[in-house]
Amino acid sequence: MSSLHHSSAGIVLKKRLKEARLRTGLSQEQLGVEAGLDLMSASARMNRYETGARVPNFALVEALAKVLNVPTPYLYAADDSMARMIVAFGMLSEDEKMAALEFVERAARISIPSDAP
């Protein structure tokens, strides 16, 4: 488990994880099993992640995001508007993503090199 246990990242993660799971209609057990957790422990582990008692490692967060059909960064986005942007951006084609980035950069009057992380 991660040292994020009581950090703000852990608090955000538990909130986003539960929101995304409820939107999909999956039970905690179903989500855990689809993300690769053992059937016998999936429900209990997912419950601990959603209550913040534990924080999953990054590899598991990536697997959960894939099952939930959200970009991994969504699960860590503290700002609700940013979380919405991340989900919407993730649904775009590569051409649409480039156009959206150009629009946002122009609106913000900034220039970020295309090779920046």
N, C-alpha and C. Protein backbone atom coordinates (compact mmCIF):
# COMPACT_ATOMS: atom_id res chain seq x y z
N MET A 1 0.83 -1.18 0.00
CA MET A 1 0.00 0.00 0.00
C MET A 1 0.88 1.25 0.00
N SER A 2 0.31 2.33 -0.38
CA SER A 2 1.04 3.56 -0.54
C SER A 2 1.06 4.40 0.72
N SER A 3 1.99 5.32 0.77
CA SER A 3 2.05 6.25 1.90
C SER A 3 1.04 7.39 1.74
N LEU A 4 0.23 7.32 0.68
CA LEU A 4 -0.78 8.35 0.46
C LEU A 4 -1.98 8.19 1.39
N HIS A 5 -1.93 7.21 2.28
CA HIS A 5 -3.06 6.81 3.11
C HIS A 5 -3.90 7.99 3.61
N HIS A 6 -3.30 8.97 4.23
CA HIS A 6 -4.07 10.09 4.78
C HIS A 6 -3.82 11.39 4.02
N SER A 7 -3.22 11.31 2.86
CA SER A 7 -2.91 12.52 2.11
C SER A 7 -4.13 13.02 1.35
N SER A 8 -4.02 14.22 0.84
CA SER A 8 -5.13 14.76 0.04
C SER A 8 -5.32 13.94 -1.22
N ALA A 9 -4.26 13.37 -1.78
CA ALA A 9 -4.40 12.52 -2.96
C ALA A 9 -5.25 11.30 -2.64
N GLY A 10 -5.07 10.72 -1.47
CA GLY A 10 -5.87 9.58 -1.05
C GLY A 10 -7.33 9.94 -0.86
N ILE A 11 -7.58 11.14 -0.33
CA ILE A 11 -8.95 11.61 -0.12
C ILE A 11 -9.65 11.81 -1.47
N VAL A 12 -8.94 12.40 -2.41
CA VAL A 12 -9.50 12.62 -3.74
C VAL A 12 -9.74 11.28 -4.43
N LEU A 13 -8.78 10.39 -4.33
CA LEU A 13 -8.88 9.09 -4.98
C LEU A 13 -10.12 8.33 -4.51
N LYS A 14 -10.36 8.30 -3.21
CA LYS A 14 -11.52 7.56 -2.71
C LYS A 14 -12.82 8.16 -3.24
N LYS A 15 -12.90 9.49 -3.32
CA LYS A 15 -14.10 10.16 -3.82
C LYS A 15 -14.32 9.84 -5.30
N ARG A 16 -13.28 10.02 -6.10
CA ARG A 16 -13.41 9.80 -7.55
C ARG A 16 -13.67 8.33 -7.86
N LEU A 17 -13.04 7.44 -7.13
CA LEU A 17 -13.22 6.01 -7.35
C LEU A 17 -14.68 5.62 -7.13
N LYS A 18 -15.25 6.09 -6.05
CA LYS A 18 -16.65 5.77 -5.75
C LYS A 18 -17.59 6.39 -6.78
N GLU A 19 -17.35 7.66 -7.13
CA GLU A 19 -18.19 8.33 -8.13
C GLU A 19 -18.19 7.55 -9.45
N ALA A 20 -17.01 7.19 -9.90
CA ALA A 20 -16.88 6.50 -11.19
C ALA A 20 -17.53 5.12 -11.12
N ARG A 21 -17.34 4.42 -10.01
CA ARG A 21 -17.93 3.08 -9.87
C ARG A 21 -19.45 3.17 -9.88
N LEU A 22 -20.01 4.12 -9.17
CA LEU A 22 -21.47 4.27 -9.12
C LEU A 22 -22.03 4.61 -10.50
N ARG A 23 -21.30 5.43 -11.26
CA ARG A 23 -21.75 5.76 -12.62
C ARG A 23 -21.80 4.53 -13.51
N THR A 24 -20.89 3.59 -13.30
CA THR A 24 -20.87 2.39 -14.14
C THR A 24 -21.90 1.36 -13.70
N GLY A 25 -22.39 1.48 -12.47
CA GLY A 25 -23.35 0.51 -11.96
C GLY A 25 -22.71 -0.77 -11.46
N LEU A 26 -21.39 -0.79 -11.36
CA LEU A 26 -20.68 -1.97 -10.86
C LEU A 26 -20.70 -2.01 -9.34
N SER A 27 -20.76 -3.22 -8.80
CA SER A 27 -20.60 -3.37 -7.35
C SER A 27 -19.11 -3.26 -7.05
N GLN A 28 -18.77 -3.09 -5.78
CA GLN A 28 -17.36 -3.06 -5.40
C GLN A 28 -16.69 -4.36 -5.80
N GLU A 29 -17.37 -5.47 -5.57
CA GLU A 29 -16.79 -6.78 -5.92
C GLU A 29 -16.55 -6.90 -7.42
N GLN A 30 -17.56 -6.52 -8.21
CA GLN A 30 -17.41 -6.60 -9.67
C GLN A 30 -16.24 -5.76 -10.16
N LEU A 31 -16.13 -4.54 -9.66
CA LEU A 31 -15.04 -3.67 -10.07
C LEU A 31 -13.70 -4.29 -9.71
N GLY A 32 -13.58 -4.75 -8.48
CA GLY A 32 -12.33 -5.35 -8.05
C GLY A 32 -11.93 -6.55 -8.87
N VAL A 33 -12.88 -7.44 -9.13
CA VAL A 33 -12.59 -8.65 -9.91
C VAL A 33 -12.20 -8.27 -11.34
N GLU A 34 -12.93 -7.35 -11.96
CA GLU A 34 -12.61 -6.93 -13.33
C GLU A 34 -11.25 -6.25 -13.41
N ALA A 35 -10.81 -5.65 -12.30
CA ALA A 35 -9.49 -4.99 -12.27
C ALA A 35 -8.38 -5.97 -11.89
N GLY A 36 -8.75 -7.23 -11.63
CA GLY A 36 -7.73 -8.23 -11.37
C GLY A 36 -7.56 -8.66 -9.93
N LEU A 37 -8.43 -8.19 -9.04
CA LEU A 37 -8.34 -8.62 -7.64
C LEU A 37 -8.96 -10.00 -7.48
N ASP A 38 -8.51 -10.72 -6.48
CA ASP A 38 -9.04 -12.03 -6.16
C ASP A 38 -10.50 -11.93 -5.75
N LEU A 39 -11.32 -12.84 -6.25
CA LEU A 39 -12.75 -12.84 -5.96
C LEU A 39 -13.04 -12.82 -4.46
N MET A 40 -12.27 -13.55 -3.69
CA MET A 40 -12.52 -13.66 -2.25
C MET A 40 -12.25 -12.36 -1.49
N SER A 41 -11.39 -11.50 -2.01
CA SER A 41 -11.06 -10.27 -1.29
C SER A 41 -11.47 -8.99 -2.02
N ALA A 42 -11.98 -9.12 -3.23
CA ALA A 42 -12.26 -7.93 -4.06
C ALA A 42 -13.19 -6.94 -3.39
N SER A 43 -14.31 -7.41 -2.84
CA SER A 43 -15.29 -6.51 -2.24
C SER A 43 -14.70 -5.77 -1.03
N ALA A 44 -14.04 -6.51 -0.16
CA ALA A 44 -13.46 -5.89 1.04
C ALA A 44 -12.36 -4.90 0.67
N ARG A 45 -11.52 -5.26 -0.28
CA ARG A 45 -10.45 -4.34 -0.68
C ARG A 45 -11.00 -3.08 -1.31
N MET A 46 -11.99 -3.22 -2.20
CA MET A 46 -12.57 -2.04 -2.83
C MET A 46 -13.25 -1.16 -1.79
N ASN A 47 -13.90 -1.77 -0.81
CA ASN A 47 -14.52 -1.00 0.25
C ASN A 47 -13.46 -0.19 1.00
N ARG A 48 -12.34 -0.79 1.29
CA ARG A 48 -11.27 -0.06 2.00
C ARG A 48 -10.72 1.08 1.16
N TYR A 49 -10.64 0.88 -0.16
CA TYR A 49 -10.16 1.96 -1.03
C TYR A 49 -11.17 3.11 -1.07
N GLU A 50 -12.45 2.77 -1.16
CA GLU A 50 -13.48 3.81 -1.24
C GLU A 50 -13.70 4.55 0.07
N THR A 51 -13.38 3.93 1.19
CA THR A 51 -13.52 4.62 2.48
C THR A 51 -12.23 5.33 2.87
N GLY A 52 -11.17 5.08 2.13
CA GLY A 52 -9.90 5.72 2.43
C GLY A 52 -9.08 5.01 3.48
N ALA A 53 -9.54 3.82 3.90
CA ALA A 53 -8.78 3.06 4.89
C ALA A 53 -7.45 2.58 4.30
N ARG A 54 -7.43 2.37 3.00
CA ARG A 54 -6.23 1.97 2.27
C ARG A 54 -6.21 2.71 0.94
N VAL A 55 -5.02 2.81 0.36
CA VAL A 55 -4.86 3.43 -0.95
C VAL A 55 -4.21 2.40 -1.88
N PRO A 56 -4.83 2.14 -3.02
CA PRO A 56 -4.26 1.15 -3.94
C PRO A 56 -2.97 1.66 -4.58
N ASN A 57 -2.12 0.73 -4.99
CA ASN A 57 -0.90 1.14 -5.69
C ASN A 57 -1.27 1.65 -7.09
N PHE A 58 -0.32 2.30 -7.73
CA PHE A 58 -0.60 2.96 -8.99
C PHE A 58 -1.01 1.96 -10.08
N ALA A 59 -0.40 0.78 -10.10
CA ALA A 59 -0.76 -0.22 -11.12
C ALA A 59 -2.23 -0.62 -10.97
N LEU A 60 -2.69 -0.76 -9.75
CA LEU A 60 -4.10 -1.10 -9.53
C LEU A 60 -5.00 0.07 -9.89
N VAL A 61 -4.58 1.29 -9.58
CA VAL A 61 -5.38 2.47 -9.96
C VAL A 61 -5.54 2.51 -11.48
N GLU A 62 -4.47 2.21 -12.20
CA GLU A 62 -4.56 2.17 -13.67
C GLU A 62 -5.56 1.11 -14.13
N ALA A 63 -5.52 -0.07 -13.50
CA ALA A 63 -6.46 -1.14 -13.87
C ALA A 63 -7.90 -0.74 -13.54
N LEU A 64 -8.09 -0.10 -12.40
CA LEU A 64 -9.43 0.36 -12.01
C LEU A 64 -9.95 1.40 -13.00
N ALA A 65 -9.09 2.35 -13.38
CA ALA A 65 -9.48 3.39 -14.33
C ALA A 65 -9.90 2.77 -15.66
N LYS A 66 -9.16 1.76 -16.09
CA LYS A 66 -9.50 1.10 -17.35
C LYS A 66 -10.88 0.46 -17.28
N VAL A 67 -11.15 -0.25 -16.20
CA VAL A 67 -12.47 -0.88 -16.01
C VAL A 67 -13.56 0.18 -15.95
N LEU A 68 -13.27 1.29 -15.28
CA LEU A 68 -14.25 2.37 -15.10
C LEU A 68 -14.37 3.26 -16.34
N ASN A 69 -13.49 3.03 -17.32
CA ASN A 69 -13.49 3.80 -18.57
C ASN A 69 -13.27 5.30 -18.33
N VAL A 70 -12.32 5.59 -17.44
CA VAL A 70 -11.91 6.97 -17.19
C VAL A 70 -10.39 7.04 -17.28
N PRO A 71 -9.84 8.18 -17.68
CA PRO A 71 -8.38 8.32 -17.66
C PRO A 71 -7.87 8.25 -16.22
N THR A 72 -6.74 7.62 -16.02
CA THR A 72 -6.18 7.50 -14.67
C THR A 72 -6.08 8.85 -13.95
N PRO A 73 -5.63 9.92 -14.61
CA PRO A 73 -5.53 11.21 -13.90
C PRO A 73 -6.85 11.70 -13.30
N TYR A 74 -7.97 11.28 -13.88
CA TYR A 74 -9.28 11.67 -13.33
C TYR A 74 -9.38 11.27 -11.86
N LEU A 75 -8.87 10.10 -11.54
CA LEU A 75 -9.00 9.58 -10.17
C LEU A 75 -8.18 10.39 -9.17
N TYR A 76 -7.27 11.22 -9.65
CA TYR A 76 -6.43 12.05 -8.77
C TYR A 76 -6.76 13.55 -8.86
N ALA A 77 -7.74 13.92 -9.68
CA ALA A 77 -8.06 15.34 -9.90
C ALA A 77 -8.85 15.91 -8.72
N ALA A 78 -8.24 16.80 -7.97
CA ALA A 78 -8.89 17.40 -6.80
C ALA A 78 -9.99 18.38 -7.19
N ASP A 79 -9.80 19.08 -8.29
CA ASP A 79 -10.76 20.10 -8.75
C ASP A 79 -11.83 19.44 -9.62
N ASP A 80 -13.09 19.68 -9.31
CA ASP A 80 -14.19 19.06 -10.06
C ASP A 80 -14.19 19.46 -11.52
N SER A 81 -13.91 20.71 -11.82
CA SER A 81 -13.87 21.16 -13.22
C SER A 81 -12.74 20.47 -13.97
N MET A 82 -11.60 20.34 -13.33
CA MET A 82 -10.48 19.66 -13.96
C MET A 82 -10.82 18.19 -14.20
N ALA A 83 -11.49 17.57 -13.24
CA ALA A 83 -11.89 16.17 -13.40
C ALA A 83 -12.80 16.01 -14.62
N ARG A 84 -13.74 16.93 -14.77
CA ARG A 84 -14.63 16.88 -15.94
C ARG A 84 -13.86 17.06 -17.23
N MET A 85 -12.90 17.98 -17.22
CA MET A 85 -12.07 18.21 -18.41
C MET A 85 -11.28 16.96 -18.77
N ILE A 86 -10.74 16.30 -17.78
CA ILE A 86 -9.93 15.10 -18.02
C ILE A 86 -10.78 14.01 -18.67
N VAL A 87 -11.98 13.80 -18.15
CA VAL A 87 -12.86 12.78 -18.73
C VAL A 87 -13.23 13.15 -20.16
N ALA A 88 -13.64 14.40 -20.36
CA ALA A 88 -14.04 14.84 -21.70
C ALA A 88 -12.87 14.74 -22.68
N PHE A 89 -11.70 15.18 -22.25
CA PHE A 89 -10.52 15.14 -23.11
C PHE A 89 -10.18 13.70 -23.49
N GLY A 90 -10.33 12.79 -22.55
CA GLY A 90 -10.03 11.40 -22.81
C GLY A 90 -10.93 10.76 -23.85
N MET A 91 -12.08 11.36 -24.08
CA MET A 91 -13.05 10.82 -25.05
C MET A 91 -12.80 11.32 -26.47
N LEU A 92 -11.90 12.27 -26.64
CA LEU A 92 -11.65 12.86 -27.94
C LEU A 92 -10.69 12.02 -28.78
N SER A 93 -10.79 12.19 -30.11
CA SER A 93 -9.82 11.58 -31.02
C SER A 93 -8.50 12.35 -30.88
N GLU A 94 -7.44 11.81 -31.43
CA GLU A 94 -6.13 12.50 -31.35
C GLU A 94 -6.19 13.88 -32.01
N ASP A 95 -6.85 14.00 -33.15
CA ASP A 95 -6.98 15.29 -33.82
C ASP A 95 -7.78 16.27 -32.96
N GLU A 96 -8.85 15.78 -32.36
CA GLU A 96 -9.67 16.64 -31.50
C GLU A 96 -8.88 17.06 -30.26
N LYS A 97 -8.05 16.18 -29.74
CA LYS A 97 -7.23 16.53 -28.58
C LYS A 97 -6.27 17.66 -28.93
N MET A 98 -5.64 17.59 -30.09
CA MET A 98 -4.72 18.65 -30.50
C MET A 98 -5.46 19.97 -30.66
N ALA A 99 -6.63 19.95 -31.28
CA ALA A 99 -7.43 21.17 -31.46
C ALA A 99 -7.84 21.73 -30.10
N ALA A 100 -8.25 20.86 -29.19
CA ALA A 100 -8.65 21.32 -27.85
C ALA A 100 -7.47 21.92 -27.11
N LEU A 101 -6.31 21.31 -27.20
CA LEU A 101 -5.12 21.85 -26.55
C LEU A 101 -4.77 23.23 -27.10
N GLU A 102 -4.82 23.35 -28.42
CA GLU A 102 -4.51 24.64 -29.04
C GLU A 102 -5.51 25.70 -28.57
N PHE A 103 -6.78 25.36 -28.51
CA PHE A 103 -7.80 26.30 -28.05
C PHE A 103 -7.54 26.73 -26.61
N VAL A 104 -7.30 25.77 -25.74
CA VAL A 104 -7.09 26.07 -24.32
C VAL A 104 -5.82 26.90 -24.13
N GLU A 105 -4.77 26.55 -24.85
CA GLU A 105 -3.53 27.33 -24.74
C GLU A 105 -3.72 28.76 -25.22
N ARG A 106 -4.46 28.93 -26.32
CA ARG A 106 -4.75 30.30 -26.79
C ARG A 106 -5.59 31.05 -25.77
N ALA A 107 -6.59 30.39 -25.22
CA ALA A 107 -7.47 31.03 -24.24
C ALA A 107 -6.68 31.43 -22.99
N ALA A 108 -5.73 30.60 -22.61
CA ALA A 108 -4.92 30.89 -21.43
C ALA A 108 -3.72 31.76 -21.76
N ARG A 109 -3.53 32.05 -23.05
CA ARG A 109 -2.41 32.86 -23.53
C ARG A 109 -1.06 32.30 -23.08
N ILE A 110 -0.94 30.98 -23.24
CA ILE A 110 0.32 30.32 -22.91
C ILE A 110 0.75 29.47 -24.08
N SER A 111 1.98 29.07 -24.04
CA SER A 111 2.50 28.17 -25.05
C SER A 111 3.29 27.09 -24.32
N ILE A 112 2.85 25.86 -24.48
CA ILE A 112 3.53 24.73 -23.86
C ILE A 112 4.14 23.90 -25.00
N PRO A 113 5.43 23.64 -24.94
CA PRO A 113 6.03 22.82 -26.00
C PRO A 113 5.31 21.48 -26.14
N SER A 114 5.15 21.00 -27.37
CA SER A 114 4.40 19.78 -27.59
C SER A 114 5.09 18.55 -26.99
N ASP A 115 6.37 18.64 -26.68
CA ASP A 115 7.06 17.51 -26.08
C ASP A 115 7.08 17.58 -24.54
N ALA A 116 6.40 18.57 -23.98
CA ALA A 116 6.33 18.70 -22.51
C ALA A 116 5.41 17.61 -21.96
N PRO A 117 5.70 17.11 -20.75
CA PRO A 117 4.86 16.06 -20.16
C PRO A 117 3.47 16.53 -19.83
